[in-house]
Amino acid sequence: QLRLVESGGGVVPPGGSLRLTCTAPGHKFGINKVSWYRQAPGKEREFVASIMYSNGTPEYKASIEHRTTISRDPGQTTVWLVMNVMEPADTGTYYCSVGTFWGQGTQVTVSA
Protein backbone atom coordinates (compact mmCIF):
# COMPACT_ATOMS: atom_id res chain seq x y z
CA GLN A 1 0.00 0.00 0.00
CA LEU A 2 1.39 3.37 -1.00
CA ARG A 3 0.21 6.46 0.86
CA LEU A 4 0.53 9.73 -1.00
CA VAL A 5 0.37 13.08 0.74
CA GLU A 6 -0.22 16.37 -1.03
CA SER A 7 0.42 19.76 0.50
CA GLY A 8 0.81 23.38 -0.47
CA GLY A 9 -2.72 24.26 -1.46
CA GLY A 10 -4.44 27.46 -0.44
CA VAL A 11 -5.90 30.69 -1.75
CA VAL A 12 -3.95 32.40 -4.51
CA PRO A 13 -4.79 35.72 -6.21
CA PRO A 14 -5.17 35.70 -9.99
CA GLY A 15 -1.74 35.97 -11.54
CA GLY A 16 -0.09 34.43 -8.52
CA SER A 17 1.96 31.27 -8.16
CA LEU A 18 1.72 28.14 -6.10
CA ARG A 19 3.95 25.17 -5.37
CA LEU A 20 2.35 21.87 -4.51
CA THR A 21 4.25 18.98 -2.95
CA CYS A 22 3.67 15.24 -3.16
CA THR A 23 5.41 12.82 -0.85
CA ALA A 24 5.10 9.13 -0.07
CA PRO A 25 6.02 8.77 3.61
CA GLY A 26 8.21 5.77 4.22
CA HIS A 27 8.63 5.07 0.51
CA LYS A 28 10.69 6.19 -2.42
CA PHE A 29 9.16 6.83 -5.80
CA GLY A 30 11.78 4.71 -7.53
CA ILE A 31 11.16 4.34 -11.25
CA ASN A 32 7.48 5.16 -11.11
CA LYS A 33 5.62 7.86 -12.97
CA VAL A 34 4.19 10.41 -10.57
CA SER A 35 1.23 12.40 -11.82
CA TRP A 36 -0.83 15.38 -10.78
CA TYR A 37 -4.52 15.63 -11.53
CA ARG A 38 -7.09 18.20 -10.55
CA GLN A 39 -10.84 18.31 -10.18
CA ALA A 40 -12.89 21.46 -10.27
CA PRO A 41 -16.31 21.57 -8.64
CA GLY A 42 -18.85 19.86 -10.85
CA LYS A 43 -16.25 18.72 -13.36
CA GLU A 44 -14.35 15.54 -14.08
CA ARG A 45 -10.86 14.95 -12.81
CA GLU A 46 -8.27 16.00 -15.39
CA PHE A 47 -4.59 15.42 -15.98
CA VAL A 48 -2.24 18.28 -15.12
CA ALA A 49 1.30 16.94 -15.33
CA SER A 50 3.46 13.89 -14.75
CA ILE A 51 7.10 13.03 -14.37
CA MET A 52 9.03 9.82 -14.89
CA TYR A 53 11.02 9.51 -11.71
CA SER A 54 13.78 7.47 -13.35
CA ASN A 55 14.80 10.11 -15.87
CA GLY A 56 12.80 13.22 -15.04
CA THR A 57 10.85 13.27 -18.31
CA PRO A 58 7.82 15.52 -17.84
CA GLU A 59 4.45 15.64 -19.53
CA TYR A 60 1.94 18.47 -19.25
CA LYS A 61 -1.62 19.32 -20.05
CA ALA A 62 -1.08 21.23 -23.25
CA SER A 63 -3.08 24.31 -22.37
CA ILE A 64 -1.12 25.05 -19.19
CA GLU A 65 2.32 23.77 -20.12
CA HIS A 66 3.73 27.26 -20.59
CA ARG A 67 3.09 28.13 -16.93
CA THR A 68 3.56 24.79 -15.21
CA THR A 69 6.66 22.96 -14.01
CA ILE A 70 6.87 19.50 -12.48
CA SER A 71 10.09 18.38 -10.84
CA ARG A 72 11.45 15.77 -8.45
CA ASP A 73 14.14 15.52 -5.84
CA PRO A 74 17.11 13.16 -6.36
CA GLY A 75 16.30 11.47 -3.08
CA GLN A 76 13.17 9.99 -4.68
CA THR A 77 10.88 11.23 -1.95
CA THR A 78 9.27 14.38 -3.30
CA VAL A 79 7.60 15.69 -6.42
CA TRP A 80 6.73 19.36 -6.84
CA LEU A 81 4.23 21.07 -9.09
CA VAL A 82 4.66 24.79 -9.66
CA MET A 83 1.97 26.78 -11.39
CA ASN A 84 2.41 30.42 -12.36
CA VAL A 85 0.06 33.13 -13.60
CA MET A 86 -2.79 31.27 -12.02
CA GLU A 87 -6.37 31.81 -13.15
CA PRO A 88 -9.74 31.18 -11.50
CA ALA A 89 -10.08 28.18 -13.84
CA ASP A 90 -7.19 26.58 -11.95
CA THR A 91 -9.37 26.31 -8.86
CA GLY A 92 -9.94 22.77 -7.70
CA THR A 93 -8.63 19.89 -5.67
CA TYR A 94 -5.20 18.74 -6.79
CA TYR A 95 -4.29 15.08 -6.46
CA CYS A 96 -1.02 13.20 -6.64
CA SER A 97 -1.14 9.75 -8.21
CA VAL A 98 1.20 6.79 -8.69
CA GLY A 99 -0.30 3.87 -10.56
CA THR A 100 -3.59 3.05 -8.85
CA PHE A 101 -2.73 4.98 -5.72
CA TRP A 102 -4.12 8.44 -5.01
CA GLY A 103 -3.61 11.00 -2.32
CA GLN A 104 -6.41 12.80 -0.51
CA GLY A 105 -5.84 15.99 -2.46
CA THR A 106 -5.06 19.58 -1.59
CA GLN A 107 -7.48 22.41 -2.29
CA VAL A 108 -6.41 25.30 -4.49
CA THR A 109 -8.58 28.38 -4.84
CA VAL A 110 -7.67 31.20 -7.20
CA SER A 111 -9.54 34.27 -6.09
CA ALA A 112 -8.91 37.96 -5.54
C-alpha atoms as a PDB file:
ATOM      1  CA  GLN A   1       0.000   0.000   0.000  1.00  0.00           C
ATOM      2  CA  LEU A   2       1.391   3.370  -1.003  1.00  0.00           C
ATOM      3  CA  ARG A   3       0.210   6.457   0.864  1.00  0.00           C
ATOM      4  CA  LEU A   4       0.528   9.729  -0.996  1.00  0.00           C
ATOM      5  CA  VAL A   5       0.367  13.077   0.735  1.00  0.00           C
ATOM      6  CA  GLU A   6      -0.225  16.373  -1.032  1.00  0.00           C
ATOM      7  CA  SER A   7       0.422  19.759   0.502  1.00  0.00           C
ATOM      8  CA  GLY A   8       0.807  23.378  -0.474  1.00  0.00           C
ATOM      9  CA  GLY A   9      -2.721  24.262  -1.464  1.00  0.00           C
ATOM     10  CA  GLY A  10      -4.438  27.460  -0.439  1.00  0.00           C
ATOM     11  CA  VAL A  11      -5.904  30.692  -1.745  1.00  0.00           C
ATOM     12  CA  VAL A  12      -3.945  32.403  -4.507  1.00  0.00           C
ATOM     13  CA  PRO A  13      -4.792  35.718  -6.206  1.00  0.00           C
ATOM     14  CA  PRO A  14      -5.172  35.697  -9.986  1.00  0.00           C
ATOM     15  CA  GLY A  15      -1.742  35.970 -11.537  1.00  0.00           C
ATOM     16  CA  GLY A  16      -0.092  34.428  -8.520  1.00  0.00           C
ATOM     17  CA  SER A  17       1.960  31.271  -8.164  1.00  0.00           C
ATOM     18  CA  LEU A  18       1.720  28.141  -6.103  1.00  0.00           C
ATOM     19  CA  ARG A  19       3.953  25.175  -5.374  1.00  0.00           C
ATOM     20  CA  LEU A  20       2.349  21.866  -4.511  1.00  0.00           C
ATOM     21  CA  THR A  21       4.245  18.976  -2.948  1.00  0.00           C
ATOM     22  CA  CYS A  22       3.667  15.242  -3.159  1.00  0.00           C
ATOM     23  CA  THR A  23       5.412  12.819  -0.850  1.00  0.00           C
ATOM     24  CA  ALA A  24       5.105   9.130  -0.069  1.00  0.00           C
ATOM     25  CA  PRO A  25       6.019   8.770   3.610  1.00  0.00           C
ATOM     26  CA  GLY A  26       8.208   5.772   4.221  1.00  0.00           C
ATOM     27  CA  HIS A  27       8.633   5.072   0.505  1.00  0.00           C
ATOM     28  CA  LYS A  28      10.690   6.193  -2.420  1.00  0.00           C
ATOM     29  CA  PHE A  29       9.161   6.830  -5.805  1.00  0.00           C
ATOM     30  CA  GLY A  30      11.783   4.711  -7.529  1.00  0.00           C
ATOM     31  CA  ILE A  31      11.158   4.339 -11.246  1.00  0.00           C
ATOM     32  CA  ASN A  32       7.477   5.160 -11.115  1.00  0.00           C
ATOM     33  CA  LYS A  33       5.623   7.855 -12.965  1.00  0.00           C
ATOM     34  CA  VAL A  34       4.186  10.406 -10.573  1.00  0.00           C
ATOM     35  CA  SER A  35       1.226  12.401 -11.819  1.00  0.00           C
ATOM     36  CA  TRP A  36      -0.827  15.384 -10.781  1.00  0.00           C
ATOM     37  CA  TYR A  37      -4.518  15.630 -11.533  1.00  0.00           C
ATOM     38  CA  ARG A  38      -7.093  18.198 -10.551  1.00  0.00           C
ATOM     39  CA  GLN A  39     -10.837  18.309 -10.182  1.00  0.00           C
ATOM     40  CA  ALA A  40     -12.886  21.461 -10.269  1.00  0.00           C
ATOM     41  CA  PRO A  41     -16.314  21.574  -8.635  1.00  0.00           C
ATOM     42  CA  GLY A  42     -18.850  19.858 -10.853  1.00  0.00           C
ATOM     43  CA  LYS A  43     -16.246  18.718 -13.360  1.00  0.00           C
ATOM     44  CA  GLU A  44     -14.351  15.536 -14.078  1.00  0.00           C
ATOM     45  CA  ARG A  45     -10.864  14.952 -12.810  1.00  0.00           C
ATOM     46  CA  GLU A  46      -8.271  15.998 -15.393  1.00  0.00           C
ATOM     47  CA  PHE A  47      -4.594  15.419 -15.979  1.00  0.00           C
ATOM     48  CA  VAL A  48      -2.242  18.279 -15.123  1.00  0.00           C
ATOM     49  CA  ALA A  49       1.304  16.938 -15.328  1.00  0.00           C
ATOM     50  CA  SER A  50       3.459  13.886 -14.748  1.00  0.00           C
ATOM     51  CA  ILE A  51       7.105  13.034 -14.366  1.00  0.00           C
ATOM     52  CA  MET A  52       9.029   9.822 -14.895  1.00  0.00           C
ATOM     53  CA  TYR A  53      11.021   9.512 -11.714  1.00  0.00           C
ATOM     54  CA  SER A  54      13.778   7.471 -13.352  1.00  0.00           C
ATOM     55  CA  ASN A  55      14.803  10.112 -15.870  1.00  0.00           C
ATOM     56  CA  GLY A  56      12.800  13.224 -15.043  1.00  0.00           C
ATOM     57  CA  THR A  57      10.850  13.274 -18.315  1.00  0.00           C
ATOM     58  CA  PRO A  58       7.818  15.517 -17.843  1.00  0.00           C
ATOM     59  CA  GLU A  59       4.454  15.642 -19.533  1.00  0.00           C
ATOM     60  CA  TYR A  60       1.940  18.468 -19.253  1.00  0.00           C
ATOM     61  CA  LYS A  61      -1.622  19.321 -20.052  1.00  0.00           C
ATOM     62  CA  ALA A  62      -1.075  21.226 -23.254  1.00  0.00           C
ATOM     63  CA  SER A  63      -3.076  24.314 -22.373  1.00  0.00           C
ATOM     64  CA  ILE A  64      -1.125  25.052 -19.191  1.00  0.00           C
ATOM     65  CA  GLU A  65       2.325  23.766 -20.119  1.00  0.00           C
ATOM     66  CA  HIS A  66       3.727  27.263 -20.586  1.00  0.00           C
ATOM     67  CA  ARG A  67       3.094  28.134 -16.933  1.00  0.00           C
ATOM     68  CA  THR A  68       3.555  24.787 -15.209  1.00  0.00           C
ATOM     69  CA  THR A  69       6.662  22.955 -14.013  1.00  0.00           C
ATOM     70  CA  ILE A  70       6.873  19.503 -12.477  1.00  0.00           C
ATOM     71  CA  SER A  71      10.087  18.382 -10.837  1.00  0.00           C
ATOM     72  CA  ARG A  72      11.448  15.773  -8.453  1.00  0.00           C
ATOM     73  CA  ASP A  73      14.142  15.520  -5.840  1.00  0.00           C
ATOM     74  CA  PRO A  74      17.109  13.163  -6.364  1.00  0.00           C
ATOM     75  CA  GLY A  75      16.303  11.469  -3.078  1.00  0.00           C
ATOM     76  CA  GLN A  76      13.168   9.991  -4.683  1.00  0.00           C
ATOM     77  CA  THR A  77      10.882  11.228  -1.954  1.00  0.00           C
ATOM     78  CA  THR A  78       9.270  14.380  -3.302  1.00  0.00           C
ATOM     79  CA  VAL A  79       7.599  15.694  -6.423  1.00  0.00           C
ATOM     80  CA  TRP A  80       6.730  19.361  -6.841  1.00  0.00           C
ATOM     81  CA  LEU A  81       4.232  21.072  -9.090  1.00  0.00           C
ATOM     82  CA  VAL A  82       4.663  24.788  -9.657  1.00  0.00           C
ATOM     83  CA  MET A  83       1.972  26.777 -11.391  1.00  0.00           C
ATOM     84  CA  ASN A  84       2.409  30.416 -12.359  1.00  0.00           C
ATOM     85  CA  VAL A  85       0.062  33.126 -13.603  1.00  0.00           C
ATOM     86  CA  MET A  86      -2.790  31.268 -12.021  1.00  0.00           C
ATOM     87  CA  GLU A  87      -6.374  31.813 -13.148  1.00  0.00           C
ATOM     88  CA  PRO A  88      -9.737  31.184 -11.502  1.00  0.00           C
ATOM     89  CA  ALA A  89     -10.085  28.182 -13.835  1.00  0.00           C
ATOM     90  CA  ASP A  90      -7.191  26.584 -11.948  1.00  0.00           C
ATOM     91  CA  THR A  91      -9.372  26.308  -8.855  1.00  0.00           C
ATOM     92  CA  GLY A  92      -9.943  22.767  -7.701  1.00  0.00           C
ATOM     93  CA  THR A  93      -8.631  19.887  -5.674  1.00  0.00           C
ATOM     94  CA  TYR A  94      -5.196  18.742  -6.792  1.00  0.00           C
ATOM     95  CA  TYR A  95      -4.287  15.084  -6.456  1.00  0.00           C
ATOM     96  CA  CYS A  96      -1.024  13.197  -6.641  1.00  0.00           C
ATOM     97  CA  SER A  97      -1.139   9.752  -8.211  1.00  0.00           C
ATOM     98  CA  VAL A  98       1.197   6.790  -8.686  1.00  0.00           C
ATOM     99  CA  GLY A  99      -0.299   3.867 -10.565  1.00  0.00           C
ATOM    100  CA  THR A 100      -3.589   3.054  -8.855  1.00  0.00           C
ATOM    101  CA  PHE A 101      -2.735   4.984  -5.716  1.00  0.00           C
ATOM    102  CA  TRP A 102      -4.119   8.438  -5.008  1.00  0.00           C
ATOM    103  CA  GLY A 103      -3.613  11.002  -2.318  1.00  0.00           C
ATOM    104  CA  GLN A 104      -6.408  12.801  -0.514  1.00  0.00           C
ATOM    105  CA  GLY A 105      -5.837  15.987  -2.457  1.00  0.00           C
ATOM    106  CA  THR A 106      -5.064  19.579  -1.590  1.00  0.00           C
ATOM    107  CA  GLN A 107      -7.476  22.412  -2.291  1.00  0.00           C
ATOM    108  CA  VAL A 108      -6.414  25.304  -4.493  1.00  0.00           C
ATOM    109  CA  THR A 109      -8.581  28.381  -4.841  1.00  0.00           C
ATOM    110  CA  VAL A 110      -7.667  31.199  -7.202  1.00  0.00           C
ATOM    111  CA  SER A 111      -9.543  34.273  -6.094  1.00  0.00           C
ATOM    112  CA  ALA A 112      -8.910  37.961  -5.540  1.00  0.00           C
END
